[in-house]
Structure formats: structure tokens, C-alpha cells
Amino acid sequence: MPKSMLLGDGTLLVIDEIQKIPNWPETLKSLWDKNLHKLRVILLASSSLKIQTNLSESLAGRFELTRIYHWTYTELKAAFGYTLERFFLFGGYPGSVAYENYYDRWYAYLKDSIVEAVIGKDILLKRKVANPALFRHGLEILCRHPAQEISYTKLLGQLQDKGNTDLIK
């Protein structure tokens, strides 16, 4: 790394979507081992499962993991005046607050920006799924019936594609 890039102790380098950079763990370990650990580095990744796949370096002793979760009820109450009922109804996604009065748009936001990101970036990249479209359809059906028992035959009736019995099992 050129010395002109090092601005002194405590310099902060932020890299988003680190999982997309080939051999990122080896590069970071090399920099650390060259005594560049005075540089503060924040790595962001939207795919927690993908970032752990094929790691050849443990980076043991070289990092602190900070998990960032959805907002809590207390945080949403302070920021947006949430009631407990509103929190249970809409969840802890502050990005969706603007769409709460427009159910279709709110639902599309959650489905496309949150659920689909987890399915596409985490589940389908980590596990082989024979029919991803059927998997998505099955998950959408289940999400429309939260905390309810759904009969096997009812699910089969709503999932007509080939492979539906294997998916439900």
C-alpha cells in the first residue's frame, strides 16, 4: 500500500460488499501482518452466509464482529412514535416506515428489498434448490399465514409445479 494512502494512526477505511472482492481475507491478513493494523478497517457485507464461504484465512485475533440487527421497539418508538401494536404489525425495518399507509407498496418493499435479498444472496447461493421459483412461491404462501398451521394438502393445492412434494417435505 503506498505511504500516501496512510494518513496516520486511526485512519478509517470502509469497504462495502467485501464478499464480492476475490481473496479479500488473504489481502487483509497480509496488510495486518505488514504492521498496517494501525489502520482501522470497517468491512460491510450484505450476505452473511456468502462472506463465510470458502474462507482460507481465519483472521483470528484480527477482527471484531459487530452484528447490526433490525431496529428494536424502543428505537422505533423514539424515532417514529411507534406503538407496540404498530411495531408488531410492521416490524423493525425503518426503511419501510414511509410505506405503511400504502400496504401494497409496503409489502413490495419488504418482499423485494428484504426477503428477496436474503433468498437470492444467502439461501440460493448457499444451498442447491431444484426449483428456485417454486421455493420463492412456497415461501410467499407461508409468509401470508404467519403463526398458523397449514395443512400439507392445502400447500400442495397451492403449489402445482413439479417438485412441490419434495419442497414441502
N, C-alpha and C. Protein backbone atom coordinates (compact mmCIF):
# COMPACT_ATOMS: atom_id res chain seq x y z
N MET A 1 0.85 -1.17 0.00
CA MET A 1 0.00 0.00 0.00
C MET A 1 0.90 1.24 0.00
N PRO A 2 0.69 2.16 -0.90
CA PRO A 2 1.53 3.36 -0.94
C PRO A 2 1.41 4.16 0.36
N LYS A 3 2.53 4.74 0.80
CA LYS A 3 2.52 5.50 2.04
C LYS A 3 1.57 6.69 1.95
N SER A 4 1.37 7.22 0.76
CA SER A 4 0.49 8.37 0.61
C SER A 4 -0.95 8.03 0.99
N MET A 5 -1.30 6.72 0.98
CA MET A 5 -2.65 6.31 1.34
C MET A 5 -2.82 6.24 2.85
N LEU A 6 -1.72 6.11 3.60
CA LEU A 6 -1.81 6.03 5.05
C LEU A 6 -1.76 7.44 5.62
N LEU A 7 -2.81 7.81 6.28
CA LEU A 7 -2.89 9.16 6.79
C LEU A 7 -2.52 9.24 8.27
N GLY A 8 -2.10 8.14 8.85
CA GLY A 8 -1.72 8.14 10.25
C GLY A 8 -2.54 7.17 11.06
N ASP A 9 -2.17 7.06 12.34
CA ASP A 9 -2.90 6.16 13.23
C ASP A 9 -4.38 6.53 13.27
N GLY A 10 -5.21 5.52 13.24
CA GLY A 10 -6.65 5.74 13.33
C GLY A 10 -7.31 6.07 12.01
N THR A 11 -6.58 6.06 10.92
CA THR A 11 -7.20 6.29 9.62
C THR A 11 -8.26 5.22 9.39
N LEU A 12 -9.39 5.60 8.89
CA LEU A 12 -10.51 4.70 8.71
C LEU A 12 -10.72 4.38 7.24
N LEU A 13 -10.75 3.09 6.92
CA LEU A 13 -11.04 2.61 5.57
C LEU A 13 -12.32 1.79 5.66
N VAL A 14 -13.33 2.16 4.87
CA VAL A 14 -14.60 1.45 4.86
C VAL A 14 -14.78 0.82 3.49
N ILE A 15 -15.04 -0.49 3.47
CA ILE A 15 -15.26 -1.22 2.22
C ILE A 15 -16.62 -1.89 2.31
N ASP A 16 -17.51 -1.56 1.39
CA ASP A 16 -18.84 -2.16 1.36
C ASP A 16 -18.84 -3.34 0.39
N GLU A 17 -19.68 -4.32 0.66
CA GLU A 17 -19.84 -5.52 -0.16
C GLU A 17 -18.50 -6.27 -0.30
N ILE A 18 -17.81 -6.44 0.81
CA ILE A 18 -16.49 -7.08 0.80
C ILE A 18 -16.54 -8.49 0.22
N GLN A 19 -17.67 -9.19 0.35
CA GLN A 19 -17.77 -10.56 -0.13
C GLN A 19 -17.61 -10.66 -1.64
N LYS A 20 -17.72 -9.54 -2.36
CA LYS A 20 -17.58 -9.55 -3.81
C LYS A 20 -16.13 -9.40 -4.27
N ILE A 21 -15.22 -9.13 -3.35
CA ILE A 21 -13.82 -8.94 -3.71
C ILE A 21 -13.09 -10.27 -3.58
N PRO A 22 -12.48 -10.76 -4.66
CA PRO A 22 -11.77 -12.05 -4.59
C PRO A 22 -10.61 -11.98 -3.59
N ASN A 23 -10.45 -13.04 -2.84
CA ASN A 23 -9.34 -13.21 -1.89
C ASN A 23 -9.24 -12.09 -0.85
N TRP A 24 -10.36 -11.52 -0.46
CA TRP A 24 -10.31 -10.42 0.49
C TRP A 24 -9.69 -10.81 1.83
N PRO A 25 -9.94 -12.03 2.36
CA PRO A 25 -9.33 -12.35 3.66
C PRO A 25 -7.80 -12.40 3.59
N GLU A 26 -7.26 -12.94 2.50
CA GLU A 26 -5.81 -13.03 2.36
C GLU A 26 -5.18 -11.64 2.28
N THR A 27 -5.83 -10.74 1.56
CA THR A 27 -5.32 -9.37 1.43
C THR A 27 -5.31 -8.66 2.77
N LEU A 28 -6.40 -8.80 3.52
CA LEU A 28 -6.45 -8.15 4.83
C LEU A 28 -5.43 -8.73 5.79
N LYS A 29 -5.26 -10.05 5.77
CA LYS A 29 -4.27 -10.67 6.65
C LYS A 29 -2.87 -10.18 6.30
N SER A 30 -2.58 -10.08 5.02
CA SER A 30 -1.27 -9.60 4.57
C SER A 30 -1.02 -8.17 5.05
N LEU A 31 -2.02 -7.31 4.91
CA LEU A 31 -1.87 -5.93 5.37
C LEU A 31 -1.65 -5.86 6.88
N TRP A 32 -2.40 -6.67 7.61
CA TRP A 32 -2.26 -6.70 9.07
C TRP A 32 -0.86 -7.16 9.45
N ASP A 33 -0.41 -8.20 8.79
CA ASP A 33 0.89 -8.76 9.12
C ASP A 33 2.04 -7.82 8.74
N LYS A 34 1.79 -6.87 7.84
CA LYS A 34 2.81 -5.88 7.47
C LYS A 34 2.76 -4.68 8.42
N ASN A 35 2.15 -4.89 9.58
CA ASN A 35 2.06 -3.87 10.61
C ASN A 35 1.20 -2.68 10.20
N LEU A 36 0.25 -2.94 9.34
CA LEU A 36 -0.68 -1.88 8.98
C LEU A 36 -1.95 -1.96 9.82
N HIS A 37 -1.87 -2.68 10.95
CA HIS A 37 -3.05 -2.83 11.79
C HIS A 37 -3.42 -1.53 12.50
N LYS A 38 -2.61 -0.51 12.36
CA LYS A 38 -2.97 0.79 12.92
C LYS A 38 -4.10 1.42 12.09
N LEU A 39 -4.24 0.96 10.86
CA LEU A 39 -5.32 1.41 10.01
C LEU A 39 -6.61 0.74 10.49
N ARG A 40 -7.64 1.53 10.71
CA ARG A 40 -8.92 0.97 11.13
C ARG A 40 -9.73 0.66 9.87
N VAL A 41 -10.22 -0.55 9.80
CA VAL A 41 -10.94 -1.00 8.62
C VAL A 41 -12.32 -1.48 9.04
N ILE A 42 -13.33 -1.02 8.32
CA ILE A 42 -14.69 -1.50 8.53
C ILE A 42 -15.12 -2.18 7.25
N LEU A 43 -15.47 -3.46 7.38
CA LEU A 43 -15.92 -4.24 6.24
C LEU A 43 -17.42 -4.45 6.37
N LEU A 44 -18.13 -4.15 5.32
CA LEU A 44 -19.58 -4.33 5.30
C LEU A 44 -19.93 -5.40 4.29
N ALA A 45 -20.91 -6.21 4.63
CA ALA A 45 -21.35 -7.28 3.73
C ALA A 45 -22.84 -7.48 3.89
N SER A 46 -23.54 -7.57 2.79
CA SER A 46 -24.99 -7.78 2.85
C SER A 46 -25.34 -9.26 2.87
N SER A 47 -24.38 -10.12 2.64
CA SER A 47 -24.63 -11.55 2.62
C SER A 47 -23.78 -12.24 3.68
N SER A 48 -24.36 -12.43 4.85
CA SER A 48 -23.60 -13.01 5.95
C SER A 48 -23.19 -14.45 5.67
N LEU A 49 -23.98 -15.18 4.91
CA LEU A 49 -23.59 -16.56 4.60
C LEU A 49 -22.49 -16.60 3.55
N LYS A 50 -22.58 -15.75 2.54
CA LYS A 50 -21.59 -15.77 1.47
C LYS A 50 -20.22 -15.32 1.96
N ILE A 51 -20.18 -14.41 2.90
CA ILE A 51 -18.90 -13.91 3.39
C ILE A 51 -18.12 -15.01 4.11
N GLN A 52 -18.82 -16.01 4.62
CA GLN A 52 -18.17 -17.10 5.34
C GLN A 52 -17.80 -18.28 4.44
N THR A 53 -18.24 -18.25 3.20
CA THR A 53 -18.00 -19.36 2.29
C THR A 53 -16.58 -19.29 1.72
N ASN A 54 -15.91 -20.43 1.69
CA ASN A 54 -14.58 -20.58 1.10
C ASN A 54 -13.51 -19.67 1.72
N LEU A 55 -13.62 -19.42 3.00
CA LEU A 55 -12.58 -18.64 3.67
C LEU A 55 -11.35 -19.50 3.86
N SER A 56 -10.21 -19.04 3.36
CA SER A 56 -8.97 -19.79 3.54
C SER A 56 -8.16 -19.23 4.71
N GLU A 57 -8.54 -18.07 5.21
CA GLU A 57 -7.87 -17.44 6.35
C GLU A 57 -8.88 -17.29 7.47
N SER A 58 -8.45 -17.60 8.69
CA SER A 58 -9.37 -17.45 9.81
C SER A 58 -9.44 -16.01 10.31
N LEU A 59 -8.40 -15.25 10.07
CA LEU A 59 -8.29 -13.87 10.56
C LEU A 59 -8.42 -13.81 12.08
N ALA A 60 -8.09 -14.92 12.74
CA ALA A 60 -8.20 -15.00 14.20
C ALA A 60 -7.38 -13.89 14.85
N GLY A 61 -7.99 -13.22 15.80
CA GLY A 61 -7.33 -12.15 16.53
C GLY A 61 -7.18 -10.85 15.77
N ARG A 62 -7.75 -10.77 14.59
CA ARG A 62 -7.57 -9.58 13.75
C ARG A 62 -8.88 -8.82 13.52
N PHE A 63 -9.96 -9.23 14.15
CA PHE A 63 -11.22 -8.55 13.87
C PHE A 63 -12.15 -8.60 15.08
N GLU A 64 -13.10 -7.71 15.04
CA GLU A 64 -14.20 -7.71 15.99
C GLU A 64 -15.47 -7.71 15.16
N LEU A 65 -16.33 -8.66 15.39
CA LEU A 65 -17.57 -8.78 14.64
C LEU A 65 -18.65 -7.95 15.31
N THR A 66 -19.28 -7.08 14.55
CA THR A 66 -20.39 -6.28 15.05
C THR A 66 -21.60 -6.59 14.20
N ARG A 67 -22.57 -7.21 14.81
CA ARG A 67 -23.81 -7.54 14.09
C ARG A 67 -24.77 -6.35 14.19
N ILE A 68 -25.40 -6.05 13.08
CA ILE A 68 -26.36 -4.95 13.06
C ILE A 68 -27.72 -5.56 12.74
N TYR A 69 -28.60 -5.43 13.69
CA TYR A 69 -29.92 -6.04 13.58
C TYR A 69 -30.96 -5.01 13.17
N HIS A 70 -32.18 -5.50 13.01
CA HIS A 70 -33.31 -4.62 12.76
C HIS A 70 -33.48 -3.72 13.98
N TRP A 71 -34.21 -2.67 13.81
CA TRP A 71 -34.41 -1.75 14.92
C TRP A 71 -35.31 -2.38 15.98
N THR A 72 -35.06 -2.03 17.22
CA THR A 72 -35.88 -2.52 18.32
C THR A 72 -37.12 -1.65 18.46
N TYR A 73 -38.05 -2.14 19.25
CA TYR A 73 -39.26 -1.37 19.52
C TYR A 73 -38.91 -0.01 20.12
N THR A 74 -37.99 0.01 21.07
CA THR A 74 -37.60 1.26 21.73
C THR A 74 -37.02 2.26 20.73
N GLU A 75 -36.20 1.79 19.81
CA GLU A 75 -35.61 2.68 18.80
C GLU A 75 -36.68 3.25 17.86
N LEU A 76 -37.60 2.40 17.43
CA LEU A 76 -38.67 2.87 16.54
C LEU A 76 -39.65 3.78 17.26
N LYS A 77 -39.87 3.52 18.54
CA LYS A 77 -40.75 4.38 19.33
C LYS A 77 -40.13 5.78 19.44
N ALA A 78 -38.82 5.84 19.71
CA ALA A 78 -38.14 7.13 19.84
C ALA A 78 -38.08 7.87 18.50
N ALA A 79 -37.81 7.15 17.42
CA ALA A 79 -37.62 7.80 16.11
C ALA A 79 -38.94 8.12 15.40
N PHE A 80 -39.93 7.23 15.51
CA PHE A 80 -41.14 7.38 14.72
C PHE A 80 -42.44 7.33 15.53
N GLY A 81 -42.33 7.33 16.86
CA GLY A 81 -43.52 7.30 17.69
C GLY A 81 -44.29 6.00 17.61
N TYR A 82 -43.61 4.90 17.38
CA TYR A 82 -44.28 3.60 17.26
C TYR A 82 -44.99 3.21 18.55
N THR A 83 -46.15 2.58 18.38
CA THR A 83 -46.81 1.88 19.48
C THR A 83 -46.40 0.42 19.37
N LEU A 84 -46.66 -0.34 20.41
CA LEU A 84 -46.31 -1.76 20.37
C LEU A 84 -47.09 -2.48 19.27
N GLU A 85 -48.35 -2.11 19.11
CA GLU A 85 -49.18 -2.72 18.05
C GLU A 85 -48.59 -2.43 16.67
N ARG A 86 -48.17 -1.19 16.45
CA ARG A 86 -47.58 -0.81 15.16
C ARG A 86 -46.28 -1.57 14.92
N PHE A 87 -45.49 -1.75 15.97
CA PHE A 87 -44.23 -2.50 15.85
C PHE A 87 -44.51 -3.95 15.45
N PHE A 88 -45.48 -4.58 16.10
CA PHE A 88 -45.82 -5.97 15.76
C PHE A 88 -46.38 -6.07 14.35
N LEU A 89 -47.11 -5.08 13.93
CA LEU A 89 -47.70 -5.10 12.60
C LEU A 89 -46.68 -4.89 11.50
N PHE A 90 -45.78 -3.90 11.66
CA PHE A 90 -44.86 -3.53 10.59
C PHE A 90 -43.43 -3.99 10.78
N GLY A 91 -43.04 -4.40 11.97
CA GLY A 91 -41.69 -4.90 12.19
C GLY A 91 -40.67 -3.80 12.40
N GLY A 92 -39.41 -4.19 12.39
CA GLY A 92 -38.32 -3.28 12.73
C GLY A 92 -37.50 -2.80 11.56
N TYR A 93 -38.14 -2.53 10.44
CA TYR A 93 -37.42 -2.04 9.27
C TYR A 93 -37.72 -0.56 9.06
N PRO A 94 -36.81 0.32 9.46
CA PRO A 94 -37.11 1.75 9.35
C PRO A 94 -37.30 2.21 7.91
N GLY A 95 -36.73 1.52 6.95
CA GLY A 95 -36.90 1.90 5.55
C GLY A 95 -38.33 1.77 5.07
N SER A 96 -39.11 0.95 5.74
CA SER A 96 -40.49 0.73 5.30
C SER A 96 -41.49 1.67 5.94
N VAL A 97 -41.06 2.49 6.88
CA VAL A 97 -41.98 3.39 7.58
C VAL A 97 -42.74 4.29 6.60
N ALA A 98 -42.07 4.79 5.59
CA ALA A 98 -42.71 5.70 4.64
C ALA A 98 -43.83 5.04 3.84
N TYR A 99 -43.88 3.71 3.82
CA TYR A 99 -44.87 3.00 3.01
C TYR A 99 -46.01 2.40 3.83
N GLU A 100 -46.03 2.62 5.12
CA GLU A 100 -47.02 1.97 5.98
C GLU A 100 -48.46 2.29 5.60
N ASN A 101 -48.71 3.46 5.07
CA ASN A 101 -50.08 3.84 4.67
C ASN A 101 -50.46 3.30 3.30
N TYR A 102 -49.54 2.64 2.63
CA TYR A 102 -49.76 2.09 1.29
C TYR A 102 -49.38 0.61 1.33
N TYR A 103 -50.32 -0.23 1.76
CA TYR A 103 -50.00 -1.63 2.04
C TYR A 103 -49.29 -2.32 0.88
N ASP A 104 -49.78 -2.17 -0.33
CA ASP A 104 -49.17 -2.86 -1.47
C ASP A 104 -47.71 -2.45 -1.65
N ARG A 105 -47.45 -1.17 -1.50
CA ARG A 105 -46.07 -0.68 -1.64
C ARG A 105 -45.21 -1.16 -0.48
N TRP A 106 -45.76 -1.14 0.75
CA TRP A 106 -45.04 -1.63 1.92
C TRP A 106 -44.70 -3.11 1.75
N TYR A 107 -45.68 -3.89 1.32
CA TYR A 107 -45.47 -5.32 1.12
C TYR A 107 -44.41 -5.57 0.04
N ALA A 108 -44.48 -4.82 -1.06
CA ALA A 108 -43.50 -4.97 -2.14
C ALA A 108 -42.09 -4.60 -1.65
N TYR A 109 -41.99 -3.55 -0.84
CA TYR A 109 -40.69 -3.16 -0.29
C TYR A 109 -40.09 -4.29 0.55
N LEU A 110 -40.87 -4.83 1.46
CA LEU A 110 -40.36 -5.92 2.30
C LEU A 110 -39.99 -7.14 1.46
N LYS A 111 -40.86 -7.48 0.54
CA LYS A 111 -40.62 -8.66 -0.29
C LYS A 111 -39.38 -8.48 -1.17
N ASP A 112 -39.28 -7.36 -1.86
CA ASP A 112 -38.20 -7.15 -2.83
C ASP A 112 -36.88 -6.74 -2.18
N SER A 113 -36.93 -5.88 -1.18
CA SER A 113 -35.70 -5.34 -0.61
C SER A 113 -35.13 -6.16 0.53
N ILE A 114 -35.98 -6.90 1.21
CA ILE A 114 -35.50 -7.64 2.38
C ILE A 114 -35.57 -9.14 2.16
N VAL A 115 -36.75 -9.66 1.93
CA VAL A 115 -36.90 -11.11 1.79
C VAL A 115 -36.16 -11.63 0.56
N GLU A 116 -36.34 -10.99 -0.58
CA GLU A 116 -35.69 -11.47 -1.81
C GLU A 116 -34.17 -11.37 -1.70
N ALA A 117 -33.68 -10.37 -1.01
CA ALA A 117 -32.23 -10.25 -0.82
C ALA A 117 -31.70 -11.43 -0.02
N VAL A 118 -32.42 -11.85 1.00
CA VAL A 118 -31.99 -13.00 1.81
C VAL A 118 -32.08 -14.28 0.99
N ILE A 119 -33.18 -14.43 0.26
CA ILE A 119 -33.33 -15.64 -0.55
C ILE A 119 -32.24 -15.69 -1.62
N GLY A 120 -32.10 -14.62 -2.38
CA GLY A 120 -31.16 -14.61 -3.51
C GLY A 120 -29.71 -14.61 -3.09
N LYS A 121 -29.35 -13.84 -2.06
CA LYS A 121 -27.94 -13.70 -1.70
C LYS A 121 -27.48 -14.73 -0.69
N ASP A 122 -28.38 -15.23 0.13
CA ASP A 122 -27.95 -16.15 1.17
C ASP A 122 -28.40 -17.59 0.89
N ILE A 123 -29.68 -17.80 0.83
CA ILE A 123 -30.19 -19.17 0.73
C ILE A 123 -29.81 -19.83 -0.58
N LEU A 124 -30.15 -19.21 -1.72
CA LEU A 124 -29.91 -19.85 -3.01
C LEU A 124 -28.43 -19.92 -3.38
N LEU A 125 -27.60 -19.06 -2.83
CA LEU A 125 -26.17 -19.15 -3.08
C LEU A 125 -25.51 -20.21 -2.20
N LYS A 126 -26.13 -20.52 -1.08
CA LYS A 126 -25.54 -21.46 -0.12
C LYS A 126 -26.04 -22.89 -0.34
N ARG A 127 -27.26 -23.04 -0.76
CA ARG A 127 -27.87 -24.36 -0.92
C ARG A 127 -28.39 -24.55 -2.34
N LYS A 128 -28.29 -25.77 -2.82
CA LYS A 128 -28.86 -26.08 -4.13
C LYS A 128 -30.35 -26.29 -3.97
N VAL A 129 -31.11 -25.51 -4.70
CA VAL A 129 -32.56 -25.62 -4.69
C VAL A 129 -32.98 -25.99 -6.11
N ALA A 130 -33.69 -27.10 -6.23
CA ALA A 130 -34.04 -27.63 -7.55
C ALA A 130 -34.88 -26.65 -8.37
N ASN A 131 -35.82 -25.99 -7.72
CA ASN A 131 -36.71 -25.08 -8.43
C ASN A 131 -36.82 -23.78 -7.62
N PRO A 132 -35.93 -22.83 -7.86
CA PRO A 132 -35.96 -21.58 -7.09
C PRO A 132 -37.29 -20.83 -7.16
N ALA A 133 -37.95 -20.84 -8.31
CA ALA A 133 -39.24 -20.15 -8.43
C ALA A 133 -40.29 -20.80 -7.53
N LEU A 134 -40.30 -22.11 -7.48
CA LEU A 134 -41.22 -22.84 -6.61
C LEU A 134 -40.90 -22.56 -5.14
N PHE A 135 -39.62 -22.51 -4.81
CA PHE A 135 -39.19 -22.20 -3.45
C PHE A 135 -39.70 -20.81 -3.04
N ARG A 136 -39.53 -19.83 -3.92
CA ARG A 136 -39.99 -18.47 -3.63
C ARG A 136 -41.52 -18.44 -3.45
N HIS A 137 -42.22 -19.14 -4.32
CA HIS A 137 -43.68 -19.18 -4.24
C HIS A 137 -44.13 -19.83 -2.94
N GLY A 138 -43.50 -20.92 -2.57
CA GLY A 138 -43.82 -21.59 -1.31
C GLY A 138 -43.57 -20.71 -0.10
N LEU A 139 -42.47 -20.01 -0.11
CA LEU A 139 -42.15 -19.10 0.99
C LEU A 139 -43.17 -17.96 1.07
N GLU A 140 -43.58 -17.44 -0.08
CA GLU A 140 -44.57 -16.37 -0.08
C GLU A 140 -45.90 -16.85 0.50
N ILE A 141 -46.30 -18.05 0.15
CA ILE A 141 -47.53 -18.61 0.71
C ILE A 141 -47.42 -18.71 2.23
N LEU A 142 -46.29 -19.21 2.72
CA LEU A 142 -46.12 -19.36 4.16
C LEU A 142 -46.07 -18.02 4.87
N CYS A 143 -45.47 -17.02 4.23
CA CYS A 143 -45.41 -15.68 4.84
C CYS A 143 -46.78 -15.03 4.94
N ARG A 144 -47.71 -15.44 4.10
CA ARG A 144 -49.07 -14.88 4.15
C ARG A 144 -49.90 -15.51 5.27
N HIS A 145 -49.35 -16.53 5.91
CA HIS A 145 -50.06 -17.22 7.00
C HIS A 145 -49.16 -17.33 8.23
N PRO A 146 -48.71 -16.20 8.78
CA PRO A 146 -47.78 -16.27 9.90
C PRO A 146 -48.43 -16.89 11.14
N ALA A 147 -47.64 -17.70 11.84
CA ALA A 147 -48.06 -18.33 13.09
C ALA A 147 -49.33 -19.15 12.94
N GLN A 148 -49.56 -19.73 11.76
CA GLN A 148 -50.73 -20.57 11.54
C GLN A 148 -50.28 -21.95 11.08
N GLU A 149 -51.05 -22.93 11.43
CA GLU A 149 -50.81 -24.26 10.91
C GLU A 149 -51.44 -24.34 9.53
N ILE A 150 -50.68 -24.88 8.57
CA ILE A 150 -51.19 -25.03 7.21
C ILE A 150 -51.07 -26.50 6.85
N SER A 151 -52.15 -27.06 6.35
CA SER A 151 -52.14 -28.50 6.05
C SER A 151 -51.27 -28.78 4.82
N TYR A 152 -50.73 -29.96 4.82
CA TYR A 152 -49.89 -30.43 3.72
C TYR A 152 -50.66 -30.39 2.41
N THR A 153 -51.91 -30.84 2.42
CA THR A 153 -52.70 -30.89 1.19
C THR A 153 -53.04 -29.47 0.70
N LYS A 154 -53.24 -28.53 1.63
CA LYS A 154 -53.52 -27.15 1.22
C LYS A 154 -52.31 -26.55 0.51
N LEU A 155 -51.12 -26.81 1.04
CA LEU A 155 -49.90 -26.33 0.38
C LEU A 155 -49.72 -26.97 -0.99
N LEU A 156 -49.95 -28.28 -1.07
CA LEU A 156 -49.83 -28.96 -2.36
C LEU A 156 -50.81 -28.37 -3.37
N GLY A 157 -52.01 -28.02 -2.90
CA GLY A 157 -53.01 -27.45 -3.79
C GLY A 157 -52.60 -26.08 -4.33
N GLN A 158 -51.82 -25.34 -3.55
CA GLN A 158 -51.40 -24.01 -3.99
C GLN A 158 -50.09 -24.03 -4.78
N LEU A 159 -49.34 -25.11 -4.66
CA LEU A 159 -48.08 -25.25 -5.39
C LEU A 159 -48.24 -26.37 -6.41
N GLN A 160 -48.56 -26.02 -7.63
CA GLN A 160 -48.85 -27.02 -8.65
C GLN A 160 -47.63 -27.47 -9.44
N ASP A 161 -46.50 -26.79 -9.31
CA ASP A 161 -45.32 -27.10 -10.11
C ASP A 161 -44.71 -28.45 -9.75
N LYS A 162 -43.95 -28.99 -10.69
CA LYS A 162 -43.23 -30.23 -10.46
C LYS A 162 -42.22 -30.03 -9.32
N GLY A 163 -42.19 -30.97 -8.41
CA GLY A 163 -41.26 -30.89 -7.29
C GLY A 163 -41.88 -30.33 -6.03
N ASN A 164 -43.21 -30.08 -6.08
CA ASN A 164 -43.85 -29.46 -4.93
C ASN A 164 -43.81 -30.35 -3.69
N THR A 165 -43.96 -31.65 -3.86
CA THR A 165 -43.93 -32.52 -2.68
C THR A 165 -42.56 -32.54 -2.03
N ASP A 166 -41.51 -32.54 -2.82
CA ASP A 166 -40.15 -32.50 -2.26
C ASP A 166 -39.89 -31.19 -1.54
N LEU A 167 -40.37 -30.09 -2.10
CA LEU A 167 -40.18 -28.78 -1.48
C LEU A 167 -40.87 -28.74 -0.12
N ILE A 168 -42.09 -29.19 -0.04
CA ILE A 168 -42.84 -29.11 1.20
C ILE A 168 -42.22 -30.02 2.25
N LYS A 169 -41.72 -31.18 1.84
CA LYS A 169 -41.05 -32.07 2.79
C LYS A 169 -39.84 -31.40 3.36
